[in-house]
């Protein structure tokens, strides 16, 4: 019981809730989840965030200071969707929006039931997603190299090289 109380207090502190502040009921999100996850709702929210804080800026030490960083998970066989999303970012927000193209999709559990997503991206698809971003005019792509202790695998993914 004490452990649970300590956990709950730590959680309240972490999310900025006082002892008497009500905890939000998750049913509002789950009831409207489909509507919230539709593209238009996301586009409006992202555009407003971008309007308020602008593109991502870095401090002299290289840490993110303020601004929007958009991450897009490229999916196998869905590069047309990637193009539409990256086009929207460049056209509606700014070509200077910092974009992180994630290629680490790994099919698991129920995803394996659907042949179109039951595989990982191949290296050509990963490079094609980056090329799409360049074609759409995005100028700030996250192109960090993996750390020295990672090695590139057969399918373009990285693994520990020990």
C-alpha atoms as a PDB file:
ATOM      1  CA  UNK A   1       0.000   0.000   0.000  1.00  0.00           C
ATOM      2  CA  UNK A   2       2.817   2.419   0.867  1.00  0.00           C
ATOM      3  CA  UNK A   3       4.585   1.570  -2.380  1.00  0.00           C
ATOM      4  CA  UNK A   4       1.437   2.391  -4.375  1.00  0.00           C
ATOM      5  CA  UNK A   5       1.005   5.672  -2.496  1.00  0.00           C
ATOM      6  CA  UNK A   6       4.620   6.630  -3.197  1.00  0.00           C
ATOM      7  CA  UNK A   7       4.158   5.772  -6.869  1.00  0.00           C
ATOM      8  CA  UNK A   8       0.958   7.836  -7.115  1.00  0.00           C
ATOM      9  CA  UNK A   9       2.619  10.811  -5.430  1.00  0.00           C
ATOM     10  CA  UNK A  10       5.633  10.544  -7.726  1.00  0.00           C
ATOM     11  CA  UNK A  11       3.319  10.405 -10.746  1.00  0.00           C
ATOM     12  CA  UNK A  12       1.417  13.506  -9.589  1.00  0.00           C
ATOM     13  CA  UNK A  13       4.696  15.352  -9.091  1.00  0.00           C
ATOM     14  CA  UNK A  14       5.995  14.243 -12.515  1.00  0.00           C
ATOM     15  CA  UNK A  15       2.914  15.479 -14.423  1.00  0.00           C
ATOM     16  CA  UNK A  16       2.576  18.640 -12.308  1.00  0.00           C
ATOM     17  CA  UNK A  17      -0.552  17.726 -10.352  1.00  0.00           C
ATOM     18  CA  UNK A  18      -1.071  18.884  -6.801  1.00  0.00           C
ATOM     19  CA  UNK A  19      -2.449  16.633  -4.062  1.00  0.00           C
ATOM     20  CA  UNK A  20      -6.017  17.891  -4.583  1.00  0.00           C
ATOM     21  CA  UNK A  21      -5.942  18.218  -8.382  1.00  0.00           C
ATOM     22  CA  UNK A  22      -8.282  15.839 -10.191  1.00  0.00           C
ATOM     23  CA  UNK A  23      -6.771  13.211 -12.484  1.00  0.00           C
ATOM     24  CA  UNK A  24      -8.224  13.314 -15.988  1.00  0.00           C
ATOM     25  CA  UNK A  25     -10.595  10.568 -16.983  1.00  0.00           C
ATOM     26  CA  UNK A  26      -9.252   8.597 -19.949  1.00  0.00           C
ATOM     27  CA  UNK A  27     -12.707   7.782 -21.287  1.00  0.00           C
ATOM     28  CA  UNK A  28     -12.867  11.133 -23.105  1.00  0.00           C
ATOM     29  CA  UNK A  29      -9.867  10.166 -25.176  1.00  0.00           C
ATOM     30  CA  UNK A  30     -10.958   6.602 -25.803  1.00  0.00           C
ATOM     31  CA  UNK A  31     -14.459   7.713 -26.759  1.00  0.00           C
ATOM     32  CA  UNK A  32     -13.117  10.160 -29.358  1.00  0.00           C
ATOM     33  CA  UNK A  33      -9.917   8.322 -30.257  1.00  0.00           C
ATOM     34  CA  UNK A  34     -10.861   7.720 -33.911  1.00  0.00           C
ATOM     35  CA  UNK A  35     -11.769  11.370 -34.435  1.00  0.00           C
ATOM     36  CA  UNK A  36      -8.614  12.566 -32.703  1.00  0.00           C
ATOM     37  CA  UNK A  37      -6.395  10.291 -34.751  1.00  0.00           C
ATOM     38  CA  UNK A  38      -7.832  11.372 -38.087  1.00  0.00           C
ATOM     39  CA  UNK A  39      -5.435  13.349 -40.189  1.00  0.00           C
ATOM     40  CA  UNK A  40      -7.306  16.652 -40.100  1.00  0.00           C
ATOM     41  CA  UNK A  41      -7.338  16.863 -36.309  1.00  0.00           C
ATOM     42  CA  UNK A  42      -3.624  16.067 -36.199  1.00  0.00           C
ATOM     43  CA  UNK A  43      -2.854  18.617 -38.933  1.00  0.00           C
ATOM     44  CA  UNK A  44      -4.708  21.381 -37.091  1.00  0.00           C
ATOM     45  CA  UNK A  45      -2.938  20.565 -33.818  1.00  0.00           C
ATOM     46  CA  UNK A  46       0.516  20.384 -35.407  1.00  0.00           C
ATOM     47  CA  UNK A  47      -0.041  23.613 -37.356  1.00  0.00           C
ATOM     48  CA  UNK A  48      -1.048  25.401 -34.156  1.00  0.00           C
ATOM     49  CA  UNK A  49       2.011  24.104 -32.294  1.00  0.00           C
ATOM     50  CA  UNK A  50       4.202  25.262 -35.176  1.00  0.00           C
ATOM     51  CA  UNK A  51       2.502  28.681 -35.189  1.00  0.00           C
ATOM     52  CA  UNK A  52       3.191  29.081 -31.478  1.00  0.00           C
ATOM     53  CA  UNK A  53       6.820  27.939 -31.281  1.00  0.00           C
ATOM     54  CA  UNK A  54       8.116  27.677 -34.866  1.00  0.00           C
ATOM     55  CA  UNK A  55      10.676  25.242 -36.193  1.00  0.00           C
ATOM     56  CA  UNK A  56      13.073  23.478 -33.855  1.00  0.00           C
ATOM     57  CA  UNK A  57      15.999  25.550 -32.615  1.00  0.00           C
ATOM     58  CA  UNK A  58      19.110  24.199 -30.977  1.00  0.00           C
ATOM     59  CA  UNK A  59      21.188  25.670 -28.170  1.00  0.00           C
ATOM     60  CA  UNK A  60      24.954  26.058 -28.713  1.00  0.00           C
ATOM     61  CA  UNK A  61      25.506  22.766 -26.891  1.00  0.00           C
ATOM     62  CA  UNK A  62      23.425  20.954 -29.532  1.00  0.00           C
ATOM     63  CA  UNK A  63      20.393  20.274 -27.354  1.00  0.00           C
ATOM     64  CA  UNK A  64      16.920  21.126 -28.593  1.00  0.00           C
ATOM     65  CA  UNK A  65      15.873  24.456 -27.130  1.00  0.00           C
ATOM     66  CA  UNK A  66      12.407  25.244 -28.492  1.00  0.00           C
ATOM     67  CA  UNK A  67      10.263  24.441 -31.498  1.00  0.00           C
ATOM     68  CA  UNK A  68       8.574  21.618 -33.335  1.00  0.00           C
ATOM     69  CA  UNK A  69      10.302  18.403 -34.284  1.00  0.00           C
ATOM     70  CA  UNK A  70       8.128  16.097 -36.377  1.00  0.00           C
ATOM     71  CA  UNK A  71       8.769  12.381 -36.428  1.00  0.00           C
ATOM     72  CA  UNK A  72       7.345  10.196 -39.174  1.00  0.00           C
ATOM     73  CA  UNK A  73       7.436   6.408 -39.041  1.00  0.00           C
ATOM     74  CA  UNK A  74       7.907   5.187 -42.597  1.00  0.00           C
ATOM     75  CA  UNK A  75       5.926   2.004 -43.212  1.00  0.00           C
ATOM     76  CA  UNK A  76       6.732  -0.729 -45.726  1.00  0.00           C
ATOM     77  CA  UNK A  77       4.795  -0.231 -48.942  1.00  0.00           C
ATOM     78  CA  UNK A  78       3.292   3.088 -47.837  1.00  0.00           C
ATOM     79  CA  UNK A  79       5.678   5.609 -49.378  1.00  0.00           C
ATOM     80  CA  UNK A  80       2.785   7.409 -51.104  1.00  0.00           C
ATOM     81  CA  UNK A  81       1.458   8.250 -47.626  1.00  0.00           C
ATOM     82  CA  UNK A  82       4.945   9.345 -46.593  1.00  0.00           C
ATOM     83  CA  UNK A  83       5.036  11.671 -49.605  1.00  0.00           C
ATOM     84  CA  UNK A  84       1.636  13.182 -48.731  1.00  0.00           C
ATOM     85  CA  UNK A  85       2.674  13.799 -45.129  1.00  0.00           C
ATOM     86  CA  UNK A  86       6.054  15.305 -46.045  1.00  0.00           C
ATOM     87  CA  UNK A  87       4.425  17.460 -48.731  1.00  0.00           C
ATOM     88  CA  UNK A  88       2.008  18.833 -46.146  1.00  0.00           C
ATOM     89  CA  UNK A  89       4.847  19.588 -43.731  1.00  0.00           C
ATOM     90  CA  UNK A  90       6.850  21.485 -46.354  1.00  0.00           C
ATOM     91  CA  UNK A  91       3.891  23.306 -47.922  1.00  0.00           C
ATOM     92  CA  UNK A  92       1.766  24.134 -44.895  1.00  0.00           C
ATOM     93  CA  UNK A  93       4.321  24.515 -42.103  1.00  0.00           C
ATOM     94  CA  UNK A  94       7.752  25.294 -43.498  1.00  0.00           C
ATOM     95  CA  UNK A  95      10.506  23.598 -45.477  1.00  0.00           C
ATOM     96  CA  UNK A  96      12.668  24.430 -42.427  1.00  0.00           C
ATOM     97  CA  UNK A  97      10.589  22.182 -40.162  1.00  0.00           C
ATOM     98  CA  UNK A  98      12.888  19.683 -38.499  1.00  0.00           C
ATOM     99  CA  UNK A  99      11.838  16.199 -39.621  1.00  0.00           C
ATOM    100  CA  UNK A 100      12.968  12.871 -38.249  1.00  0.00           C
ATOM    101  CA  UNK A 101      12.215  10.004 -40.642  1.00  0.00           C
ATOM    102  CA  UNK A 102      12.043   6.863 -38.566  1.00  0.00           C
ATOM    103  CA  UNK A 103      12.760   3.584 -40.279  1.00  0.00           C
ATOM    104  CA  UNK A 104      12.655   1.277 -37.289  1.00  0.00           C
ATOM    105  CA  UNK A 105       9.218  -0.249 -37.899  1.00  0.00           C
ATOM    106  CA  UNK A 106       9.175  -3.874 -36.750  1.00  0.00           C
ATOM    107  CA  UNK A 107       6.076  -5.986 -37.372  1.00  0.00           C
ATOM    108  CA  UNK A 108       4.878  -7.773 -34.271  1.00  0.00           C
ATOM    109  CA  UNK A 109       1.843  -9.514 -32.853  1.00  0.00           C
ATOM    110  CA  UNK A 110      -1.281  -8.759 -34.927  1.00  0.00           C
ATOM    111  CA  UNK A 111       0.610  -6.821 -37.592  1.00  0.00           C
ATOM    112  CA  UNK A 112       1.917 -10.166 -38.826  1.00  0.00           C
ATOM    113  CA  UNK A 113      -1.616 -11.035 -39.940  1.00  0.00           C
ATOM    114  CA  UNK A 114      -1.528  -8.336 -42.614  1.00  0.00           C
ATOM    115  CA  UNK A 115       0.836  -9.088 -45.473  1.00  0.00           C
ATOM    116  CA  UNK A 116       1.220  -5.415 -46.429  1.00  0.00           C
ATOM    117  CA  UNK A 117       2.824  -4.544 -43.068  1.00  0.00           C
ATOM    118  CA  UNK A 118       4.199  -7.953 -42.035  1.00  0.00           C
ATOM    119  CA  UNK A 119       7.725  -6.980 -43.024  1.00  0.00           C
ATOM    120  CA  UNK A 120      10.343  -4.403 -42.192  1.00  0.00           C
ATOM    121  CA  UNK A 121      11.379  -1.611 -44.509  1.00  0.00           C
ATOM    122  CA  UNK A 122      14.163  -2.525 -46.843  1.00  0.00           C
ATOM    123  CA  UNK A 123      17.136  -0.169 -47.273  1.00  0.00           C
ATOM    124  CA  UNK A 124      15.857   1.076 -50.648  1.00  0.00           C
ATOM    125  CA  UNK A 125      12.540   2.130 -49.083  1.00  0.00           C
ATOM    126  CA  UNK A 126      14.385   3.962 -46.306  1.00  0.00           C
ATOM    127  CA  UNK A 127      16.504   5.867 -48.789  1.00  0.00           C
ATOM    128  CA  UNK A 128      13.456   6.539 -50.971  1.00  0.00           C
ATOM    129  CA  UNK A 129      11.652   8.099 -47.974  1.00  0.00           C
ATOM    130  CA  UNK A 130      14.620  10.416 -47.437  1.00  0.00           C
ATOM    131  CA  UNK A 131      14.685  11.259 -51.149  1.00  0.00           C
ATOM    132  CA  UNK A 132      10.964  12.092 -51.002  1.00  0.00           C
ATOM    133  CA  UNK A 133      11.671  14.517 -48.154  1.00  0.00           C
ATOM    134  CA  UNK A 134      14.375  16.221 -50.223  1.00  0.00           C
ATOM    135  CA  UNK A 135      12.084  16.360 -53.279  1.00  0.00           C
ATOM    136  CA  UNK A 136       9.371  17.973 -51.193  1.00  0.00           C
ATOM    137  CA  UNK A 137      11.827  20.678 -50.196  1.00  0.00           C
ATOM    138  CA  UNK A 138      12.453  19.768 -46.556  1.00  0.00           C
ATOM    139  CA  UNK A 139      15.855  21.125 -45.655  1.00  0.00           C
ATOM    140  CA  UNK A 140      16.277  19.949 -42.060  1.00  0.00           C
ATOM    141  CA  UNK A 141      16.281  16.163 -41.998  1.00  0.00           C
ATOM    142  CA  UNK A 142      17.628  14.300 -39.018  1.00  0.00           C
ATOM    143  CA  UNK A 143      20.576  12.523 -40.573  1.00  0.00           C
ATOM    144  CA  UNK A 144      22.509  11.442 -37.531  1.00  0.00           C
ATOM    145  CA  UNK A 145      24.755   8.459 -37.982  1.00  0.00           C
ATOM    146  CA  UNK A 146      24.328   5.593 -35.557  1.00  0.00           C
ATOM    147  CA  UNK A 147      26.803   5.373 -32.663  1.00  0.00           C
ATOM    148  CA  UNK A 148      30.058   3.500 -33.201  1.00  0.00           C
ATOM    149  CA  UNK A 149      28.758   0.433 -31.346  1.00  0.00           C
ATOM    150  CA  UNK A 150      25.983  -0.201 -33.885  1.00  0.00           C
ATOM    151  CA  UNK A 151      26.404  -2.094 -37.130  1.00  0.00           C
ATOM    152  CA  UNK A 152      24.119  -1.960 -40.159  1.00  0.00           C
ATOM    153  CA  UNK A 153      22.157  -5.160 -40.598  1.00  0.00           C
ATOM    154  CA  UNK A 154      21.001  -7.017 -43.685  1.00  0.00           C
ATOM    155  CA  UNK A 155      17.721  -5.086 -43.908  1.00  0.00           C
ATOM    156  CA  UNK A 156      19.087  -1.639 -43.221  1.00  0.00           C
ATOM    157  CA  UNK A 157      18.421  -1.756 -39.499  1.00  0.00           C
ATOM    158  CA  UNK A 158      21.075  -1.390 -36.844  1.00  0.00           C
ATOM    159  CA  UNK A 159      22.098  -3.780 -34.103  1.00  0.00           C
ATOM    160  CA  UNK A 160      24.724  -3.896 -31.379  1.00  0.00           C
ATOM    161  CA  UNK A 161      28.087  -4.809 -32.877  1.00  0.00           C
ATOM    162  CA  UNK A 162      29.614  -6.511 -29.852  1.00  0.00           C
END
